[in-house]
Amino acid sequence: MDLILWRHADAEGGRPDSGRKLTERGGEQARRVAAWLKPRLPRGCEVLVSPATRAQQTALALGVPFVTSPAVGTDARLDDVIAAAEWPARSGAVLIVGHQPTLGR
């Protein structure tokens, strides 16, 4: 199984945390990474995305269908992310668009 982790792009500060949007810089970051990543995604890759606005905006830049998963949201624990990805048992690839510090653990 391939597990690909993508932390959302640069976001504005403030509250509520779940509603924070990408900055202009973040939008450009998301587009650049998406342009690089999209042709490299394995065929049939499932994309799981945090429900937070900034993660949704990051994933939209990729231009592929995705599933919104609270299991990879702002309060996710590493165990939640691994379970959502069904790692290591799943065959195929999964891309997670989520948050630090969880994705860095």
PDB file of N, CA and C in Angstrom:
ATOM      1  N   MET A   1       0.839  -1.186   0.000  1.00  0.00           N
ATOM      2  CA  MET A   1       0.000   0.000   0.000  1.00  0.00           C
ATOM      3  C   MET A   1       0.880   1.243   0.000  1.00  0.00           C
ATOM      4  N   ASP A   2       0.499   2.216  -0.802  1.00  0.00           N
ATOM      5  CA  ASP A   2       1.155   3.522  -0.781  1.00  0.00           C
ATOM      6  C   ASP A   2       0.313   4.462   0.064  1.00  0.00           C
ATOM      7  N   LEU A   3       0.944   5.132   1.006  1.00  0.00           N
ATOM      8  CA  LEU A   3       0.274   6.117   1.852  1.00  0.00           C
ATOM      9  C   LEU A   3       0.951   7.456   1.610  1.00  0.00           C
ATOM     10  N   ILE A   4       0.206   8.407   1.057  1.00  0.00           N
ATOM     11  CA  ILE A   4       0.732   9.725   0.711  1.00  0.00           C
ATOM     12  C   ILE A   4       0.113  10.734   1.666  1.00  0.00           C
ATOM     13  N   LEU A   5       0.944  11.536   2.308  1.00  0.00           N
ATOM     14  CA  LEU A   5       0.480  12.528   3.272  1.00  0.00           C
ATOM     15  C   LEU A   5       0.723  13.925   2.729  1.00  0.00           C
ATOM     16  N   TRP A   6      -0.306  14.776   2.758  1.00  0.00           N
ATOM     17  CA  TRP A   6      -0.203  16.147   2.265  1.00  0.00           C
ATOM     18  C   TRP A   6      -0.814  17.066   3.303  1.00  0.00           C
ATOM     19  N   ARG A   7       0.015  17.881   3.897  1.00  0.00           N
ATOM     20  CA  ARG A   7      -0.464  18.867   4.864  1.00  0.00           C
ATOM     21  C   ARG A   7      -1.067  20.019   4.082  1.00  0.00           C
ATOM     22  N   HIS A   8      -2.205  20.526   4.554  1.00  0.00           N
ATOM     23  CA  HIS A   8      -2.855  21.642   3.869  1.00  0.00           C
ATOM     24  C   HIS A   8      -1.866  22.786   3.649  1.00  0.00           C
ATOM     25  N   ALA A   9      -2.144  23.617   2.674  1.00  0.00           N
ATOM     26  CA  ALA A   9      -1.288  24.758   2.356  1.00  0.00           C
ATOM     27  C   ALA A   9      -1.458  25.868   3.395  1.00  0.00           C
ATOM     28  N   ASP A  10      -0.708  26.946   3.220  1.00  0.00           N
ATOM     29  CA  ASP A  10      -0.687  28.069   4.164  1.00  0.00           C
ATOM     30  C   ASP A  10      -2.092  28.638   4.372  1.00  0.00           C
ATOM     31  N   ALA A  11      -2.462  28.778   5.650  1.00  0.00           N
ATOM     32  CA  ALA A  11      -3.817  29.238   5.986  1.00  0.00           C
ATOM     33  C   ALA A  11      -3.765  30.499   6.831  1.00  0.00           C
ATOM     34  N   GLU A  12      -4.864  31.245   6.782  1.00  0.00           N
ATOM     35  CA  GLU A  12      -4.989  32.443   7.611  1.00  0.00           C
ATOM     36  C   GLU A  12      -5.133  32.032   9.076  1.00  0.00           C
ATOM     37  N   GLY A  13      -4.836  32.956   9.963  1.00  0.00           N
ATOM     38  CA  GLY A  13      -5.001  32.705  11.390  1.00  0.00           C
ATOM     39  C   GLY A  13      -6.443  32.923  11.798  1.00  0.00           C
ATOM     40  N   GLY A  14      -6.703  32.755  13.076  1.00  0.00           N
ATOM     41  CA  GLY A  14      -8.029  33.069  13.598  1.00  0.00           C
ATOM     42  C   GLY A  14      -8.828  31.870  14.029  1.00  0.00           C
ATOM     43  N   ARG A  15     -10.033  32.159  14.395  1.00  0.00           N
ATOM     44  CA  ARG A  15     -10.980  31.160  14.894  1.00  0.00           C
ATOM     45  C   ARG A  15     -12.317  31.375  14.216  1.00  0.00           C
ATOM     46  N   PRO A  16     -13.157  30.395  14.043  1.00  0.00           N
ATOM     47  CA  PRO A  16     -12.934  29.032  14.492  1.00  0.00           C
ATOM     48  C   PRO A  16     -11.912  28.325  13.606  1.00  0.00           C
ATOM     49  N   ASP A  17     -11.183  27.415  14.193  1.00  0.00           N
ATOM     50  CA  ASP A  17     -10.101  26.731  13.504  1.00  0.00           C
ATOM     51  C   ASP A  17     -10.585  26.015  12.248  1.00  0.00           C
ATOM     52  N   SER A  18     -11.727  25.360  12.325  1.00  0.00           N
ATOM     53  CA  SER A  18     -12.208  24.567  11.190  1.00  0.00           C
ATOM     54  C   SER A  18     -12.581  25.420   9.980  1.00  0.00           C
ATOM     55  N   GLY A  19     -12.843  26.707  10.185  1.00  0.00           N
ATOM     56  CA  GLY A  19     -13.253  27.579   9.098  1.00  0.00           C
ATOM     57  C   GLY A  19     -12.139  28.404   8.480  1.00  0.00           C
ATOM     58  N   ARG A  20     -10.915  28.223   8.968  1.00  0.00           N
ATOM     59  CA  ARG A  20      -9.798  29.000   8.412  1.00  0.00           C
ATOM     60  C   ARG A  20      -9.585  28.659   6.939  1.00  0.00           C
ATOM     61  N   LYS A  21      -9.400  29.702   6.122  1.00  0.00           N
ATOM     62  CA  LYS A  21      -9.217  29.534   4.679  1.00  0.00           C
ATOM     63  C   LYS A  21      -7.742  29.643   4.317  1.00  0.00           C
ATOM     64  N   LEU A  22      -7.431  29.201   3.106  1.00  0.00           N
ATOM     65  CA  LEU A  22      -6.078  29.379   2.594  1.00  0.00           C
ATOM     66  C   LEU A  22      -5.824  30.855   2.326  1.00  0.00           C
ATOM     67  N   THR A  23      -4.599  31.274   2.553  1.00  0.00           N
ATOM     68  CA  THR A  23      -4.185  32.611   2.145  1.00  0.00           C
ATOM     69  C   THR A  23      -3.962  32.591   0.631  1.00  0.00           C
ATOM     70  N   GLU A  24      -3.715  33.754   0.056  1.00  0.00           N
ATOM     71  CA  GLU A  24      -3.384  33.803  -1.372  1.00  0.00           C
ATOM     72  C   GLU A  24      -2.148  32.948  -1.638  1.00  0.00           C
ATOM     73  N   ARG A  25      -1.166  33.071  -0.763  1.00  0.00           N
ATOM     74  CA  ARG A  25       0.056  32.261  -0.877  1.00  0.00           C
ATOM     75  C   ARG A  25      -0.282  30.775  -0.777  1.00  0.00           C
ATOM     76  N   GLY A  26      -1.179  30.427   0.149  1.00  0.00           N
ATOM     77  CA  GLY A  26      -1.585  29.040   0.312  1.00  0.00           C
ATOM     78  C   GLY A  26      -2.266  28.478  -0.922  1.00  0.00           C
ATOM     79  N   GLY A  27      -3.095  29.285  -1.562  1.00  0.00           N
ATOM     80  CA  GLY A  27      -3.740  28.850  -2.797  1.00  0.00           C
ATOM     81  C   GLY A  27      -2.717  28.531  -3.874  1.00  0.00           C
ATOM     82  N   GLU A  28      -1.698  29.379  -3.975  1.00  0.00           N
ATOM     83  CA  GLU A  28      -0.629  29.139  -4.949  1.00  0.00           C
ATOM     84  C   GLU A  28       0.162  27.887  -4.578  1.00  0.00           C
ATOM     85  N   GLN A  29       0.460  27.706  -3.294  1.00  0.00           N
ATOM     86  CA  GLN A  29       1.162  26.498  -2.848  1.00  0.00           C
ATOM     87  C   GLN A  29       0.364  25.250  -3.233  1.00  0.00           C
ATOM     88  N   ALA A  30      -0.928  25.278  -2.951  1.00  0.00           N
ATOM     89  CA  ALA A  30      -1.779  24.122  -3.248  1.00  0.00           C
ATOM     90  C   ALA A  30      -1.784  23.821  -4.744  1.00  0.00           C
ATOM     91  N   ARG A  31      -1.883  24.837  -5.574  1.00  0.00           N
ATOM     92  CA  ARG A  31      -1.886  24.630  -7.027  1.00  0.00           C
ATOM     93  C   ARG A  31      -0.557  24.051  -7.512  1.00  0.00           C
ATOM     94  N   ARG A  32       0.551  24.555  -6.976  1.00  0.00           N
ATOM     95  CA  ARG A  32       1.866  24.054  -7.394  1.00  0.00           C
ATOM     96  C   ARG A  32       2.063  22.593  -6.993  1.00  0.00           C
ATOM     97  N   VAL A  33       1.742  22.277  -5.749  1.00  0.00           N
ATOM     98  CA  VAL A  33       1.896  20.890  -5.296  1.00  0.00           C
ATOM     99  C   VAL A  33       0.948  19.980  -6.073  1.00  0.00           C
ATOM    100  N   ALA A  34      -0.282  20.420  -6.285  1.00  0.00           N
ATOM    101  CA  ALA A  34      -1.255  19.618  -7.030  1.00  0.00           C
ATOM    102  C   ALA A  34      -0.770  19.341  -8.450  1.00  0.00           C
ATOM    103  N   ALA A  35      -0.195  20.345  -9.103  1.00  0.00           N
ATOM    104  CA  ALA A  35       0.310  20.162 -10.466  1.00  0.00           C
ATOM    105  C   ALA A  35       1.425  19.120 -10.502  1.00  0.00           C
ATOM    106  N   TRP A  36       2.237  19.090  -9.453  1.00  0.00           N
ATOM    107  CA  TRP A  36       3.307  18.092  -9.370  1.00  0.00           C
ATOM    108  C   TRP A  36       2.741  16.717  -9.006  1.00  0.00           C
ATOM    109  N   LEU A  37       1.829  16.675  -8.051  1.00  0.00           N
ATOM    110  CA  LEU A  37       1.341  15.416  -7.495  1.00  0.00           C
ATOM    111  C   LEU A  37       0.377  14.671  -8.416  1.00  0.00           C
ATOM    112  N   LYS A  38      -0.521  15.379  -9.065  1.00  0.00           N
ATOM    113  CA  LYS A  38      -1.592  14.723  -9.829  1.00  0.00           C
ATOM    114  C   LYS A  38      -1.080  13.694 -10.837  1.00  0.00           C
ATOM    115  N   PRO A  39      -0.090  14.018 -11.670  1.00  0.00           N
ATOM    116  CA  PRO A  39       0.361  13.005 -12.632  1.00  0.00           C
ATOM    117  C   PRO A  39       1.113  11.842 -11.977  1.00  0.00           C
ATOM    118  N   ARG A  40       1.458  11.980 -10.722  1.00  0.00           N
ATOM    119  CA  ARG A  40       2.194  10.937 -10.014  1.00  0.00           C
ATOM    120  C   ARG A  40       1.300  10.058  -9.132  1.00  0.00           C
ATOM    121  N   LEU A  41       0.037  10.438  -8.988  1.00  0.00           N
ATOM    122  CA  LEU A  41      -0.870   9.642  -8.157  1.00  0.00           C
ATOM    123  C   LEU A  41      -1.077   8.272  -8.788  1.00  0.00           C
ATOM    124  N   PRO A  42      -0.968   7.233  -7.989  1.00  0.00           N
ATOM    125  CA  PRO A  42      -1.250   5.902  -8.519  1.00  0.00           C
ATOM    126  C   PRO A  42      -2.711   5.795  -8.973  1.00  0.00           C
ATOM    127  N   ARG A  43      -2.937   5.016  -9.995  1.00  0.00           N
ATOM    128  CA  ARG A  43      -4.299   4.798 -10.501  1.00  0.00           C
ATOM    129  C   ARG A  43      -5.170   4.247  -9.373  1.00  0.00           C
ATOM    130  N   GLY A  44      -6.376   4.779  -9.244  1.00  0.00           N
ATOM    131  CA  GLY A  44      -7.307   4.307  -8.230  1.00  0.00           C
ATOM    132  C   GLY A  44      -7.025   4.809  -6.825  1.00  0.00           C
ATOM    133  N   CYS A  45      -6.148   5.785  -6.701  1.00  0.00           N
ATOM    134  CA  CYS A  45      -5.802   6.326  -5.382  1.00  0.00           C
ATOM    135  C   CYS A  45      -7.038   6.950  -4.732  1.00  0.00           C
ATOM    136  N   GLU A  46      -7.324   6.540  -3.498  1.00  0.00           N
ATOM    137  CA  GLU A  46      -8.422   7.153  -2.751  1.00  0.00           C
ATOM    138  C   GLU A  46      -7.878   8.377  -2.027  1.00  0.00           C
ATOM    139  N   VAL A  47      -8.622   9.462  -2.057  1.00  0.00           N
ATOM    140  CA  VAL A  47      -8.202  10.710  -1.420  1.00  0.00           C
ATOM    141  C   VAL A  47      -9.133  10.981  -0.241  1.00  0.00           C
ATOM    142  N   LEU A  48      -8.557  11.029   0.965  1.00  0.00           N
ATOM    143  CA  LEU A  48      -9.302  11.317   2.191  1.00  0.00           C
ATOM    144  C   LEU A  48      -8.889  12.691   2.688  1.00  0.00           C
ATOM    145  N   VAL A  49      -9.872  13.554   2.945  1.00  0.00           N
ATOM    146  CA  VAL A  49      -9.582  14.952   3.257  1.00  0.00           C
ATOM    147  C   VAL A  49     -10.290  15.371   4.540  1.00  0.00           C
ATOM    148  N   SER A  50      -9.566  16.110   5.353  1.00  0.00           N
ATOM    149  CA  SER A  50     -10.138  16.705   6.558  1.00  0.00           C
ATOM    150  C   SER A  50     -11.321  17.593   6.183  1.00  0.00           C
ATOM    151  N   PRO A  51     -12.322  17.681   7.061  1.00  0.00           N
ATOM    152  CA  PRO A  51     -13.435  18.592   6.783  1.00  0.00           C
ATOM    153  C   PRO A  51     -13.094  20.071   6.968  1.00  0.00           C
ATOM    154  N   ALA A  52     -11.921  20.394   7.496  1.00  0.00           N
ATOM    155  CA  ALA A  52     -11.529  21.792   7.688  1.00  0.00           C
ATOM    156  C   ALA A  52     -11.434  22.503   6.336  1.00  0.00           C
ATOM    157  N   THR A  53     -11.891  23.732   6.290  1.00  0.00           N
ATOM    158  CA  THR A  53     -11.940  24.502   5.045  1.00  0.00           C
ATOM    159  C   THR A  53     -10.597  24.522   4.332  1.00  0.00           C
ATOM    160  N   ARG A  54      -9.517  24.777   5.044  1.00  0.00           N
ATOM    161  CA  ARG A  54      -8.203  24.888   4.404  1.00  0.00           C
ATOM    162  C   ARG A  54      -7.750  23.575   3.767  1.00  0.00           C
ATOM    163  N   ALA A  55      -8.098  22.450   4.363  1.00  0.00           N
ATOM    164  CA  ALA A  55      -7.759  21.155   3.775  1.00  0.00           C
ATOM    165  C   ALA A  55      -8.628  20.881   2.549  1.00  0.00           C
ATOM    166  N   GLN A  56      -9.900  21.231   2.622  1.00  0.00           N
ATOM    167  CA  GLN A  56     -10.801  21.071   1.480  1.00  0.00           C
ATOM    168  C   GLN A  56     -10.307  21.900   0.293  1.00  0.00           C
ATOM    169  N   GLN A  57      -9.910  23.151   0.559  1.00  0.00           N
ATOM    170  CA  GLN A  57      -9.400  24.021  -0.511  1.00  0.00           C
ATOM    171  C   GLN A  57      -8.116  23.451  -1.104  1.00  0.00           C
ATOM    172  N   THR A  58      -7.260  22.906  -0.259  1.00  0.00           N
ATOM    173  CA  THR A  58      -6.019  22.299  -0.736  1.00  0.00           C
ATOM    174  C   THR A  58      -6.337  21.130  -1.659  1.00  0.00           C
ATOM    175  N   ALA A  59      -7.241  20.259  -1.242  1.00  0.00           N
ATOM    176  CA  ALA A  59      -7.601  19.085  -2.041  1.00  0.00           C
ATOM    177  C   ALA A  59      -8.283  19.471  -3.350  1.00  0.00           C
ATOM    178  N   LEU A  60      -9.102  20.503  -3.333  1.00  0.00           N
ATOM    179  CA  LEU A  60      -9.780  20.938  -4.557  1.00  0.00           C
ATOM    180  C   LEU A  60      -8.787  21.314  -5.649  1.00  0.00           C
ATOM    181  N   ALA A  61      -7.625  21.809  -5.264  1.00  0.00           N
ATOM    182  CA  ALA A  61      -6.607  22.179  -6.249  1.00  0.00           C
ATOM    183  C   ALA A  61      -6.146  20.970  -7.058  1.00  0.00           C
ATOM    184  N   LEU A  62      -6.283  19.788  -6.481  1.00  0.00           N
ATOM    185  CA  LEU A  62      -5.859  18.563  -7.159  1.00  0.00           C
ATOM    186  C   LEU A  62      -6.801  18.193  -8.306  1.00  0.00           C
ATOM    187  N   GLY A  63      -8.070  18.566  -8.187  1.00  0.00           N
ATOM    188  CA  GLY A  63      -9.020  18.320  -9.265  1.00  0.00           C
ATOM    189  C   GLY A  63      -9.433  16.866  -9.431  1.00  0.00           C
ATOM    190  N   VAL A  64      -9.419  16.102  -8.353  1.00  0.00           N
ATOM    191  CA  VAL A  64      -9.880  14.712  -8.399  1.00  0.00           C
ATOM    192  C   VAL A  64     -10.939  14.518  -7.315  1.00  0.00           C
ATOM    193  N   PRO A  65     -11.801  13.516  -7.477  1.00  0.00           N
ATOM    194  CA  PRO A  65     -12.801  13.264  -6.433  1.00  0.00           C
ATOM    195  C   PRO A  65     -12.128  12.907  -5.108  1.00  0.00           C
ATOM    196  N   PHE A  66     -12.756  13.320  -4.013  1.00  0.00           N
ATOM    197  CA  PHE A  66     -12.221  12.958  -2.702  1.00  0.00           C
ATOM    198  C   PHE A  66     -13.351  12.720  -1.721  1.00  0.00           C
ATOM    199  N   VAL A  67     -12.997  12.084  -0.613  1.00  0.00           N
ATOM    200  CA  VAL A  67     -13.936  11.786   0.462  1.00  0.00           C
ATOM    201  C   VAL A  67     -13.566  12.653   1.654  1.00  0.00           C
ATOM    202  N   THR A  68     -14.538  13.360   2.209  1.00  0.00           N
ATOM    203  CA  THR A  68     -14.310  14.135   3.422  1.00  0.00           C
ATOM    204  C   THR A  68     -14.386  13.177   4.604  1.00  0.00           C
ATOM    205  N   SER A  69     -13.322  13.168   5.415  1.00  0.00           N
ATOM    206  CA  SER A  69     -13.237  12.221   6.519  1.00  0.00           C
ATOM    207  C   SER A  69     -12.873  12.924   7.822  1.00  0.00           C
ATOM    208  N   PRO A  70     -13.804  12.998   8.778  1.00  0.00           N
ATOM    209  CA  PRO A  70     -13.482  13.580  10.083  1.00  0.00           C
ATOM    210  C   PRO A  70     -12.323  12.857  10.776  1.00  0.00           C
ATOM    211  N   ALA A  71     -12.067  11.611  10.387  1.00  0.00           N
ATOM    212  CA  ALA A  71     -10.978  10.843  10.998  1.00  0.00           C
ATOM    213  C   ALA A  71      -9.606  11.439  10.706  1.00  0.00           C
ATOM    214  N   VAL A  72      -9.515  12.336   9.714  1.00  0.00           N
ATOM    215  CA  VAL A  72      -8.236  12.988   9.416  1.00  0.00           C
ATOM    216  C   VAL A  72      -8.324  14.492   9.675  1.00  0.00           C
ATOM    217  N   GLY A  73      -9.296  14.897  10.496  1.00  0.00           N
ATOM    218  CA  GLY A  73      -9.549  16.309  10.786  1.00  0.00           C
ATOM    219  C   GLY A  73      -8.552  16.934  11.742  1.00  0.00           C
ATOM    220  N   THR A  74      -8.862  18.142  12.166  1.00  0.00           N
ATOM    221  CA  THR A  74      -7.934  18.936  12.980  1.00  0.00           C
ATOM    222  C   THR A  74      -7.602  18.299  14.318  1.00  0.00           C
ATOM    223  N   ASP A  75      -8.509  17.529  14.878  1.00  0.00           N
ATOM    224  CA  ASP A  75      -8.269  16.891  16.176  1.00  0.00           C
ATOM    225  C   ASP A  75      -7.899  15.420  16.052  1.00  0.00           C
ATOM    226  N   ALA A  76      -7.588  14.982  14.848  1.00  0.00           N
ATOM    227  CA  ALA A  76      -7.290  13.568  14.629  1.00  0.00           C
ATOM    228  C   ALA A  76      -6.023  13.145  15.360  1.00  0.00           C
ATOM    229  N   ARG A  77      -6.067  11.918  15.818  1.00  0.00           N
ATOM    230  CA  ARG A  77      -4.869  11.295  16.383  1.00  0.00           C
ATOM    231  C   ARG A  77      -4.252  10.435  15.285  1.00  0.00           C
ATOM    232  N   LEU A  78      -2.999  10.103  15.440  1.00  0.00           N
ATOM    233  CA  LEU A  78      -2.323   9.282  14.445  1.00  0.00           C
ATOM    234  C   LEU A  78      -3.061   7.961  14.235  1.00  0.00           C
ATOM    235  N   ASP A  79      -3.547   7.355  15.300  1.00  0.00           N
ATOM    236  CA  ASP A  79      -4.297   6.100  15.180  1.00  0.00           C
ATOM    237  C   ASP A  79      -5.551   6.275  14.320  1.00  0.00           C
ATOM    238  N   ASP A  80      -6.200   7.436  14.418  1.00  0.00           N
ATOM    239  CA  ASP A  80      -7.390   7.716  13.604  1.00  0.00           C
ATOM    240  C   ASP A  80      -7.038   7.745  12.118  1.00  0.00           C
ATOM    241  N   VAL A  81      -5.937   8.411  11.803  1.00  0.00           N
ATOM    242  CA  VAL A  81      -5.502   8.539  10.407  1.00  0.00           C
ATOM    243  C   VAL A  81      -5.148   7.170   9.834  1.00  0.00           C
ATOM    244  N   ILE A  82      -4.411   6.384  10.604  1.00  0.00           N
ATOM    245  CA  ILE A  82      -4.018   5.047  10.149  1.00  0.00           C
ATOM    246  C   ILE A  82      -5.249   4.170   9.928  1.00  0.00           C
ATOM    247  N   ALA A  83      -6.211   4.249  10.843  1.00  0.00           N
ATOM    248  CA  ALA A  83      -7.439   3.460  10.689  1.00  0.00           C
ATOM    249  C   ALA A  83      -8.235   3.913   9.467  1.00  0.00           C
ATOM    250  N   ALA A  84      -8.334   5.215   9.237  1.00  0.00           N
ATOM    251  CA  ALA A  84      -9.070   5.731   8.076  1.00  0.00           C
ATOM    252  C   ALA A  84      -8.430   5.267   6.770  1.00  0.00           C
ATOM    253  N   ALA A  85      -7.106   5.206   6.764  1.00  0.00           N
ATOM    254  CA  ALA A  85      -6.381   4.767   5.572  1.00  0.00           C
ATOM    255  C   ALA A  85      -6.395   3.248   5.411  1.00  0.00           C
ATOM    256  N   GLU A  86      -6.844   2.550   6.457  1.00  0.00           N
ATOM    257  CA  GLU A  86      -6.830   1.085   6.475  1.00  0.00           C
ATOM    258  C   GLU A  86      -5.425   0.550   6.219  1.00  0.00           C
ATOM    259  N   TRP A  87      -4.461   1.237   6.796  1.00  0.00           N
ATOM    260  CA  TRP A  87      -3.063   0.867   6.625  1.00  0.00           C
ATOM    261  C   TRP A  87      -2.672  -0.162   7.662  1.00  0.00           C
ATOM    262  N   PRO A  88      -1.931  -1.177   7.339  1.00  0.00           N
ATOM    263  CA  PRO A  88      -1.302  -1.500   6.052  1.00  0.00           C
ATOM    264  C   PRO A  88      -2.092  -2.492   5.213  1.00  0.00           C
ATOM    265  N   ALA A  89      -3.283  -2.874   5.656  1.00  0.00           N
ATOM    266  CA  ALA A  89      -4.037  -3.952   5.008  1.00  0.00           C
ATOM    267  C   ALA A  89      -4.585  -3.589   3.629  1.00  0.00           C
ATOM    268  N   ARG A  90      -4.891  -2.331   3.399  1.00  0.00           N
ATOM    269  CA  ARG A  90      -5.511  -1.914   2.131  1.00  0.00           C
ATOM    270  C   ARG A  90      -4.562  -2.162   0.960  1.00  0.00           C
ATOM    271  N   SER A  91      -5.148  -2.592  -0.136  1.00  0.00           N
ATOM    272  CA  SER A  91      -4.362  -2.651  -1.364  1.00  0.00           C
ATOM    273  C   SER A  91      -4.603  -1.335  -2.099  1.00  0.00           C
ATOM    274  N   GLY A  92      -3.647  -0.909  -2.860  1.00  0.00           N
ATOM    275  CA  GLY A  92      -3.783   0.364  -3.552  1.00  0.00           C
ATOM    276  C   GLY A  92      -3.210   1.508  -2.739  1.00  0.00           C
ATOM    277  N   ALA A  93      -3.527   2.715  -3.165  1.00  0.00           N
ATOM    278  CA  ALA A  93      -2.928   3.912  -2.572  1.00  0.00           C
ATOM    279  C   ALA A  93      -3.986   4.796  -1.930  1.00  0.00           C
ATOM    280  N   VAL A  94      -3.547   5.533  -0.916  1.00  0.00           N
ATOM    281  CA  VAL A  94      -4.406   6.502  -0.240  1.00  0.00           C
ATOM    282  C   VAL A  94      -3.621   7.795  -0.077  1.00  0.00           C
ATOM    283  N   LEU A  95      -4.257   8.906  -0.406  1.00  0.00           N
ATOM    284  CA  LEU A  95      -3.711  10.237  -0.155  1.00  0.00           C
ATOM    285  C   LEU A  95      -4.527  10.852   0.967  1.00  0.00           C
ATOM    286  N   ILE A  96      -3.845  11.299   2.017  1.00  0.00           N
ATOM    287  CA  ILE A  96      -4.493  11.976   3.140  1.00  0.00           C
ATOM    288  C   ILE A  96      -4.146  13.459   3.049  1.00  0.00           C
ATOM    289  N   VAL A  97      -5.148  14.331   3.039  1.00  0.00           N
ATOM    290  CA  VAL A  97      -4.921  15.774   3.125  1.00  0.00           C
ATOM    291  C   VAL A  97      -5.384  16.187   4.515  1.00  0.00           C
ATOM    292  N   GLY A  98      -4.409  16.502   5.368  1.00  0.00           N
ATOM    293  CA  GLY A  98      -4.726  16.765   6.761  1.00  0.00           C
ATOM    294  C   GLY A  98      -3.880  17.853   7.379  1.00  0.00           C
ATOM    295  N   HIS A  99      -3.484  17.619   8.620  1.00  0.00           N
ATOM    296  CA  HIS A  99      -2.921  18.681   9.456  1.00  0.00           C
ATOM    297  C   HIS A  99      -1.685  18.230  10.233  1.00  0.00           C
ATOM    298  N   GLN A 100      -0.878  19.220  10.592  1.00  0.00           N
ATOM    299  CA  GLN A 100       0.179  19.023  11.570  1.00  0.00           C
ATOM    300  C   GLN A 100      -0.447  19.253  12.934  1.00  0.00           C
ATOM    301  N   PRO A 101       0.025  18.683  13.981  1.00  0.00           N
ATOM    302  CA  PRO A 101       1.216  17.844  14.018  1.00  0.00           C
ATOM    303  C   PRO A 101       0.946  16.389  13.668  1.00  0.00           C
ATOM    304  N   THR A 102      -0.304  16.009  13.464  1.00  0.00           N
ATOM    305  CA  THR A 102      -0.628  14.590  13.268  1.00  0.00           C
ATOM    306  C   THR A 102       0.136  13.973  12.110  1.00  0.00           C
ATOM    307  N   LEU A 103       0.172  14.620  10.959  1.00  0.00           N
ATOM    308  CA  LEU A 103       0.810  14.020   9.792  1.00  0.00           C
ATOM    309  C   LEU A 103       2.318  13.922   9.936  1.00  0.00           C
ATOM    310  N   GLY A 104       2.898  14.689  10.827  1.00  0.00           N
ATOM    311  CA  GLY A 104       4.342  14.651  11.023  1.00  0.00           C
ATOM    312  C   GLY A 104       4.799  13.618  12.035  1.00  0.00           C
ATOM    313  N   ARG A 105       3.869  12.924  12.650  1.00  0.00           N
ATOM    314  CA  ARG A 105       4.238  11.956  13.699  1.00  0.00           C
ATOM    315  C   ARG A 105       4.633  10.629  13.144  1.00  0.00           C
TER     316      ARG A 105
END
